[in-house]
Amino acid sequence: DITAAQLSDLTQARALAEQLGIKPNAGAGLGQVQTDIFEHTVEHRLLNPTFITQYPTEVSPLSRRNDDNPDVT
């Protein structure tokens, strides 16, 4: 299982990504690593149409930021 703590810390998220066989870019921030993990573990299971909320702002810079958490859209 993947925990929120693993996804909230860049070092832990990178370690998790590597355990899953994902190789994030060297300069990737937390949002990009979270997105890489999401795409690898969840995206293929989604049925269309599906709306994803609280997506990392880092990979969606033109989207409106969340009022409660500016790190997500």
PDB file of N, CA and C in Angstrom:
ATOM      1  N   ASP A   1       0.824  -1.187   0.000  1.00  0.00           N
ATOM      2  CA  ASP A   1       0.000   0.000   0.000  1.00  0.00           C
ATOM      3  C   ASP A   1       0.868   1.250   0.000  1.00  0.00           C
ATOM      4  N   ILE A   2       0.367   2.269  -0.630  1.00  0.00           N
ATOM      5  CA  ILE A   2       1.051   3.555  -0.687  1.00  0.00           C
ATOM      6  C   ILE A   2       0.404   4.473   0.343  1.00  0.00           C
ATOM      7  N   THR A   3       1.234   5.126   1.157  1.00  0.00           N
ATOM      8  CA  THR A   3       0.710   6.001   2.206  1.00  0.00           C
ATOM      9  C   THR A   3       0.836   7.468   1.805  1.00  0.00           C
ATOM     10  N   ALA A   4       0.033   8.307   2.454  1.00  0.00           N
ATOM     11  CA  ALA A   4       0.099   9.748   2.219  1.00  0.00           C
ATOM     12  C   ALA A   4       1.476  10.286   2.598  1.00  0.00           C
ATOM     13  N   ALA A   5       2.074   9.731   3.639  1.00  0.00           N
ATOM     14  CA  ALA A   5       3.399  10.181   4.068  1.00  0.00           C
ATOM     15  C   ALA A   5       4.433   9.956   2.970  1.00  0.00           C
ATOM     16  N   GLN A   6       4.341   8.831   2.284  1.00  0.00           N
ATOM     17  CA  GLN A   6       5.275   8.546   1.197  1.00  0.00           C
ATOM     18  C   GLN A   6       5.108   9.537   0.052  1.00  0.00           C
ATOM     19  N   LEU A   7       3.884   9.977  -0.183  1.00  0.00           N
ATOM     20  CA  LEU A   7       3.618  10.884  -1.293  1.00  0.00           C
ATOM     21  C   LEU A   7       3.803  12.346  -0.927  1.00  0.00           C
ATOM     22  N   SER A   8       3.997  12.645   0.352  1.00  0.00           N
ATOM     23  CA  SER A   8       4.121  14.028   0.809  1.00  0.00           C
ATOM     24  C   SER A   8       5.561  14.496   0.906  1.00  0.00           C
ATOM     25  N   ASP A   9       6.493  13.593   0.770  1.00  0.00           N
ATOM     26  CA  ASP A   9       7.910  13.909   0.919  1.00  0.00           C
ATOM     27  C   ASP A   9       8.641  13.504  -0.355  1.00  0.00           C
ATOM     28  N   LEU A  10       9.413  14.422  -0.925  1.00  0.00           N
ATOM     29  CA  LEU A  10      10.088  14.151  -2.196  1.00  0.00           C
ATOM     30  C   LEU A  10      11.020  12.950  -2.113  1.00  0.00           C
ATOM     31  N   THR A  11      11.802  12.845  -1.059  1.00  0.00           N
ATOM     32  CA  THR A  11      12.739  11.728  -0.924  1.00  0.00           C
ATOM     33  C   THR A  11      12.001  10.396  -0.852  1.00  0.00           C
ATOM     34  N   GLN A  12      10.942  10.343  -0.046  1.00  0.00           N
ATOM     35  CA  GLN A  12      10.170   9.106   0.074  1.00  0.00           C
ATOM     36  C   GLN A  12       9.429   8.783  -1.222  1.00  0.00           C
ATOM     37  N   ALA A  13       8.905   9.818  -1.883  1.00  0.00           N
ATOM     38  CA  ALA A  13       8.189   9.598  -3.141  1.00  0.00           C
ATOM     39  C   ALA A  13       9.142   9.075  -4.212  1.00  0.00           C
ATOM     40  N   ARG A  14      10.349   9.615  -4.267  1.00  0.00           N
ATOM     41  CA  ARG A  14      11.341   9.121  -5.239  1.00  0.00           C
ATOM     42  C   ARG A  14      11.702   7.662  -4.946  1.00  0.00           C
ATOM     43  N   ALA A  15      11.874   7.336  -3.670  1.00  0.00           N
ATOM     44  CA  ALA A  15      12.198   5.954  -3.293  1.00  0.00           C
ATOM     45  C   ALA A  15      11.059   5.016  -3.681  1.00  0.00           C
ATOM     46  N   LEU A  16       9.826   5.439  -3.455  1.00  0.00           N
ATOM     47  CA  LEU A  16       8.664   4.638  -3.837  1.00  0.00           C
ATOM     48  C   LEU A  16       8.613   4.462  -5.348  1.00  0.00           C
ATOM     49  N   ALA A  17       8.842   5.534  -6.075  1.00  0.00           N
ATOM     50  CA  ALA A  17       8.829   5.454  -7.538  1.00  0.00           C
ATOM     51  C   ALA A  17       9.858   4.435  -8.024  1.00  0.00           C
ATOM     52  N   GLU A  18      11.033   4.473  -7.458  1.00  0.00           N
ATOM     53  CA  GLU A  18      12.072   3.524  -7.861  1.00  0.00           C
ATOM     54  C   GLU A  18      11.679   2.091  -7.525  1.00  0.00           C
ATOM     55  N   GLN A  19      11.022   1.883  -6.373  1.00  0.00           N
ATOM     56  CA  GLN A  19      10.541   0.543  -6.006  1.00  0.00           C
ATOM     57  C   GLN A  19       9.521   0.037  -7.017  1.00  0.00           C
ATOM     58  N   LEU A  20       8.749   0.966  -7.590  1.00  0.00           N
ATOM     59  CA  LEU A  20       7.724   0.607  -8.568  1.00  0.00           C
ATOM     60  C   LEU A  20       8.280   0.485  -9.986  1.00  0.00           C
ATOM     61  N   GLY A  21       9.580   0.748 -10.138  1.00  0.00           N
ATOM     62  CA  GLY A  21      10.200   0.656 -11.455  1.00  0.00           C
ATOM     63  C   GLY A  21      10.069   1.919 -12.281  1.00  0.00           C
ATOM     64  N   ILE A  22       9.754   3.022 -11.630  1.00  0.00           N
ATOM     65  CA  ILE A  22       9.610   4.316 -12.300  1.00  0.00           C
ATOM     66  C   ILE A  22      10.914   5.077 -12.123  1.00  0.00           C
ATOM     67  N   LYS A  23      11.377   5.709 -13.186  1.00  0.00           N
ATOM     68  CA  LYS A  23      12.604   6.498 -13.113  1.00  0.00           C
ATOM     69  C   LYS A  23      12.270   7.965 -13.387  1.00  0.00           C
ATOM     70  N   PRO A  24      11.944   8.734 -12.318  1.00  0.00           N
ATOM     71  CA  PRO A  24      11.633  10.153 -12.517  1.00  0.00           C
ATOM     72  C   PRO A  24      12.863  10.913 -13.009  1.00  0.00           C
ATOM     73  N   ASN A  25      12.639  11.989 -13.744  1.00  0.00           N
ATOM     74  CA  ASN A  25      13.745  12.839 -14.180  1.00  0.00           C
ATOM     75  C   ASN A  25      14.498  13.359 -12.962  1.00  0.00           C
ATOM     76  N   ALA A  26      15.785  13.586 -13.120  1.00  0.00           N
ATOM     77  CA  ALA A  26      16.622  14.022 -12.001  1.00  0.00           C
ATOM     78  C   ALA A  26      16.115  15.312 -11.368  1.00  0.00           C
ATOM     79  N   GLY A  27      15.615  16.241 -12.160  1.00  0.00           N
ATOM     80  CA  GLY A  27      15.154  17.519 -11.637  1.00  0.00           C
ATOM     81  C   GLY A  27      13.681  17.564 -11.290  1.00  0.00           C
ATOM     82  N   ALA A  28      13.002  16.432 -11.349  1.00  0.00           N
ATOM     83  CA  ALA A  28      11.559  16.402 -11.091  1.00  0.00           C
ATOM     84  C   ALA A  28      11.259  16.749  -9.639  1.00  0.00           C
ATOM     85  N   GLY A  29      10.267  17.593  -9.452  1.00  0.00           N
ATOM     86  CA  GLY A  29       9.818  17.953  -8.116  1.00  0.00           C
ATOM     87  C   GLY A  29       8.794  16.957  -7.605  1.00  0.00           C
ATOM     88  N   LEU A  30       8.292  17.233  -6.419  1.00  0.00           N
ATOM     89  CA  LEU A  30       7.346  16.326  -5.783  1.00  0.00           C
ATOM     90  C   LEU A  30       6.102  16.107  -6.635  1.00  0.00           C
ATOM     91  N   GLY A  31       5.555  17.166  -7.206  1.00  0.00           N
ATOM     92  CA  GLY A  31       4.345  17.035  -8.020  1.00  0.00           C
ATOM     93  C   GLY A  31       4.537  16.132  -9.217  1.00  0.00           C
ATOM     94  N   GLN A  32       5.687  16.237  -9.864  1.00  0.00           N
ATOM     95  CA  GLN A  32       5.958  15.387 -11.024  1.00  0.00           C
ATOM     96  C   GLN A  32       6.126  13.933 -10.606  1.00  0.00           C
ATOM     97  N   VAL A  33       6.805  13.689  -9.498  1.00  0.00           N
ATOM     98  CA  VAL A  33       6.986  12.316  -9.016  1.00  0.00           C
ATOM     99  C   VAL A  33       5.633  11.724  -8.613  1.00  0.00           C
ATOM    100  N   GLN A  34       4.803  12.528  -7.943  1.00  0.00           N
ATOM    101  CA  GLN A  34       3.458  12.062  -7.592  1.00  0.00           C
ATOM    102  C   GLN A  34       2.673  11.690  -8.850  1.00  0.00           C
ATOM    103  N   THR A  35       2.776  12.516  -9.875  1.00  0.00           N
ATOM    104  CA  THR A  35       2.071  12.250 -11.129  1.00  0.00           C
ATOM    105  C   THR A  35       2.592  10.988 -11.789  1.00  0.00           C
ATOM    106  N   ASP A  36       3.894  10.794 -11.786  1.00  0.00           N
ATOM    107  CA  ASP A  36       4.478   9.577 -12.360  1.00  0.00           C
ATOM    108  C   ASP A  36       3.941   8.334 -11.643  1.00  0.00           C
ATOM    109  N   ILE A  37       3.874   8.396 -10.316  1.00  0.00           N
ATOM    110  CA  ILE A  37       3.360   7.264  -9.534  1.00  0.00           C
ATOM    111  C   ILE A  37       1.883   7.037  -9.848  1.00  0.00           C
ATOM    112  N   PHE A  38       1.108   8.116  -9.912  1.00  0.00           N
ATOM    113  CA  PHE A  38      -0.319   8.014 -10.235  1.00  0.00           C
ATOM    114  C   PHE A  38      -0.521   7.369 -11.603  1.00  0.00           C
ATOM    115  N   GLU A  39       0.216   7.841 -12.590  1.00  0.00           N
ATOM    116  CA  GLU A  39       0.064   7.302 -13.943  1.00  0.00           C
ATOM    117  C   GLU A  39       0.439   5.823 -14.002  1.00  0.00           C
ATOM    118  N   HIS A  40       1.407   5.430 -13.218  1.00  0.00           N
ATOM    119  CA  HIS A  40       1.868   4.036 -13.221  1.00  0.00           C
ATOM    120  C   HIS A  40       0.924   3.101 -12.462  1.00  0.00           C
ATOM    121  N   THR A  41       0.339   3.596 -11.371  1.00  0.00           N
ATOM    122  CA  THR A  41      -0.436   2.708 -10.497  1.00  0.00           C
ATOM    123  C   THR A  41      -1.951   2.823 -10.637  1.00  0.00           C
ATOM    124  N   VAL A  42      -2.458   3.973 -11.075  1.00  0.00           N
ATOM    125  CA  VAL A  42      -3.904   4.203 -11.045  1.00  0.00           C
ATOM    126  C   VAL A  42      -4.518   4.444 -12.417  1.00  0.00           C
ATOM    127  N   GLU A  43      -3.871   5.251 -13.221  1.00  0.00           N
ATOM    128  CA  GLU A  43      -4.489   5.748 -14.455  1.00  0.00           C
ATOM    129  C   GLU A  43      -5.076   4.644 -15.335  1.00  0.00           C
ATOM    130  N   HIS A  44      -4.402   3.534 -15.459  1.00  0.00           N
ATOM    131  CA  HIS A  44      -4.890   2.455 -16.325  1.00  0.00           C
ATOM    132  C   HIS A  44      -6.156   1.785 -15.781  1.00  0.00           C
ATOM    133  N   ARG A  45      -6.497   2.043 -14.528  1.00  0.00           N
ATOM    134  CA  ARG A  45      -7.693   1.449 -13.913  1.00  0.00           C
ATOM    135  C   ARG A  45      -8.929   2.348 -14.008  1.00  0.00           C
ATOM    136  N   LEU A  46      -8.758   3.573 -14.445  1.00  0.00           N
ATOM    137  CA  LEU A  46      -9.866   4.520 -14.484  1.00  0.00           C
ATOM    138  C   LEU A  46     -10.783   4.244 -15.661  1.00  0.00           C
ATOM    139  N   LEU A  47     -12.065   4.430 -15.418  1.00  0.00           N
ATOM    140  CA  LEU A  47     -13.053   4.305 -16.477  1.00  0.00           C
ATOM    141  C   LEU A  47     -13.398   5.703 -16.977  1.00  0.00           C
ATOM    142  N   ASN A  48     -13.608   5.842 -18.259  1.00  0.00           N
ATOM    143  CA  ASN A  48     -13.900   7.153 -18.842  1.00  0.00           C
ATOM    144  C   ASN A  48     -15.364   7.472 -18.726  1.00  0.00           C
ATOM    145  N   PRO A  49     -15.779   8.691 -18.600  1.00  0.00           N
ATOM    146  CA  PRO A  49     -14.944   9.831 -18.217  1.00  0.00           C
ATOM    147  C   PRO A  49     -14.734   9.871 -16.698  1.00  0.00           C
ATOM    148  N   THR A  50     -13.585  10.336 -16.300  1.00  0.00           N
ATOM    149  CA  THR A  50     -13.250  10.445 -14.884  1.00  0.00           C
ATOM    150  C   THR A  50     -12.613  11.804 -14.647  1.00  0.00           C
ATOM    151  N   PHE A  51     -13.052  12.500 -13.630  1.00  0.00           N
ATOM    152  CA  PHE A  51     -12.463  13.777 -13.263  1.00  0.00           C
ATOM    153  C   PHE A  51     -11.504  13.548 -12.100  1.00  0.00           C
ATOM    154  N   ILE A  52     -10.284  13.988 -12.273  1.00  0.00           N
ATOM    155  CA  ILE A  52      -9.273  13.883 -11.224  1.00  0.00           C
ATOM    156  C   ILE A  52      -9.182  15.248 -10.556  1.00  0.00           C
ATOM    157  N   THR A  53      -9.370  15.284  -9.253  1.00  0.00           N
ATOM    158  CA  THR A  53      -9.270  16.546  -8.519  1.00  0.00           C
ATOM    159  C   THR A  53      -8.003  16.538  -7.677  1.00  0.00           C
ATOM    160  N   GLN A  54      -7.594  17.713  -7.268  1.00  0.00           N
ATOM    161  CA  GLN A  54      -6.393  17.902  -6.461  1.00  0.00           C
ATOM    162  C   GLN A  54      -5.158  17.342  -7.161  1.00  0.00           C
ATOM    163  N   TYR A  55      -5.022  17.695  -8.418  1.00  0.00           N
ATOM    164  CA  TYR A  55      -3.887  17.307  -9.240  1.00  0.00           C
ATOM    165  C   TYR A  55      -2.723  18.232  -8.903  1.00  0.00           C
ATOM    166  N   PRO A  56      -1.480  17.759  -8.871  1.00  0.00           N
ATOM    167  CA  PRO A  56      -0.351  18.615  -8.504  1.00  0.00           C
ATOM    168  C   PRO A  56      -0.229  19.846  -9.411  1.00  0.00           C
ATOM    169  N   THR A  57      -0.104  21.011  -8.802  1.00  0.00           N
ATOM    170  CA  THR A  57       0.034  22.263  -9.540  1.00  0.00           C
ATOM    171  C   THR A  57       1.283  22.252 -10.413  1.00  0.00           C
ATOM    172  N   GLU A  58       2.318  21.595  -9.957  1.00  0.00           N
ATOM    173  CA  GLU A  58       3.586  21.550 -10.694  1.00  0.00           C
ATOM    174  C   GLU A  58       3.408  21.039 -12.124  1.00  0.00           C
ATOM    175  N   VAL A  59       2.505  20.114 -12.329  1.00  0.00           N
ATOM    176  CA  VAL A  59       2.302  19.548 -13.668  1.00  0.00           C
ATOM    177  C   VAL A  59       1.088  20.148 -14.367  1.00  0.00           C
ATOM    178  N   SER A  60       0.405  21.074 -13.708  1.00  0.00           N
ATOM    179  CA  SER A  60      -0.768  21.746 -14.273  1.00  0.00           C
ATOM    180  C   SER A  60      -0.694  23.238 -13.945  1.00  0.00           C
ATOM    181  N   PRO A  61       0.367  23.925 -14.367  1.00  0.00           N
ATOM    182  CA  PRO A  61       0.606  25.295 -13.917  1.00  0.00           C
ATOM    183  C   PRO A  61      -0.457  26.311 -14.338  1.00  0.00           C
ATOM    184  N   LEU A  62      -1.216  26.039 -15.390  1.00  0.00           N
ATOM    185  CA  LEU A  62      -2.219  26.998 -15.838  1.00  0.00           C
ATOM    186  C   LEU A  62      -3.584  26.776 -15.197  1.00  0.00           C
ATOM    187  N   SER A  63      -3.729  25.716 -14.445  1.00  0.00           N
ATOM    188  CA  SER A  63      -4.996  25.430 -13.770  1.00  0.00           C
ATOM    189  C   SER A  63      -5.141  26.290 -12.521  1.00  0.00           C
ATOM    190  N   ARG A  64      -6.376  26.524 -12.134  1.00  0.00           N
ATOM    191  CA  ARG A  64      -6.651  27.302 -10.930  1.00  0.00           C
ATOM    192  C   ARG A  64      -6.214  26.514  -9.696  1.00  0.00           C
ATOM    193  N   ARG A  65      -5.479  27.178  -8.817  1.00  0.00           N
ATOM    194  CA  ARG A  65      -5.015  26.530  -7.586  1.00  0.00           C
ATOM    195  C   ARG A  65      -6.161  26.348  -6.598  1.00  0.00           C
ATOM    196  N   ASN A  66      -6.056  25.298  -5.807  1.00  0.00           N
ATOM    197  CA  ASN A  66      -7.045  24.993  -4.777  1.00  0.00           C
ATOM    198  C   ASN A  66      -6.984  26.067  -3.689  1.00  0.00           C
ATOM    199  N   ASP A  67      -8.138  26.533  -3.226  1.00  0.00           N
ATOM    200  CA  ASP A  67      -8.180  27.570  -2.189  1.00  0.00           C
ATOM    201  C   ASP A  67      -7.572  27.101  -0.871  1.00  0.00           C
ATOM    202  N   ASP A  68      -7.722  25.830  -0.546  1.00  0.00           N
ATOM    203  CA  ASP A  68      -7.228  25.300   0.723  1.00  0.00           C
ATOM    204  C   ASP A  68      -5.787  24.814   0.656  1.00  0.00           C
ATOM    205  N   ASN A  69      -5.335  24.419  -0.525  1.00  0.00           N
ATOM    206  CA  ASN A  69      -3.985  23.884  -0.685  1.00  0.00           C
ATOM    207  C   ASN A  69      -3.440  24.316  -2.042  1.00  0.00           C
ATOM    208  N   PRO A  70      -2.585  25.337  -2.091  1.00  0.00           N
ATOM    209  CA  PRO A  70      -2.087  25.848  -3.367  1.00  0.00           C
ATOM    210  C   PRO A  70      -1.155  24.885  -4.110  1.00  0.00           C
ATOM    211  N   ASP A  71      -0.792  23.764  -3.488  1.00  0.00           N
ATOM    212  CA  ASP A  71       0.064  22.785  -4.153  1.00  0.00           C
ATOM    213  C   ASP A  71      -0.708  21.911  -5.125  1.00  0.00           C
ATOM    214  N   VAL A  72      -2.047  21.995  -5.080  1.00  0.00           N
ATOM    215  CA  VAL A  72      -2.881  21.203  -5.986  1.00  0.00           C
ATOM    216  C   VAL A  72      -3.876  22.113  -6.693  1.00  0.00           C
ATOM    217  N   THR A  73      -4.404  21.612  -7.815  1.00  0.00           N
ATOM    218  CA  THR A  73      -5.376  22.399  -8.581  1.00  0.00           C
ATOM    219  C   THR A  73      -6.782  22.003  -8.206  1.00  0.00           C
TER     220      THR A  73
END
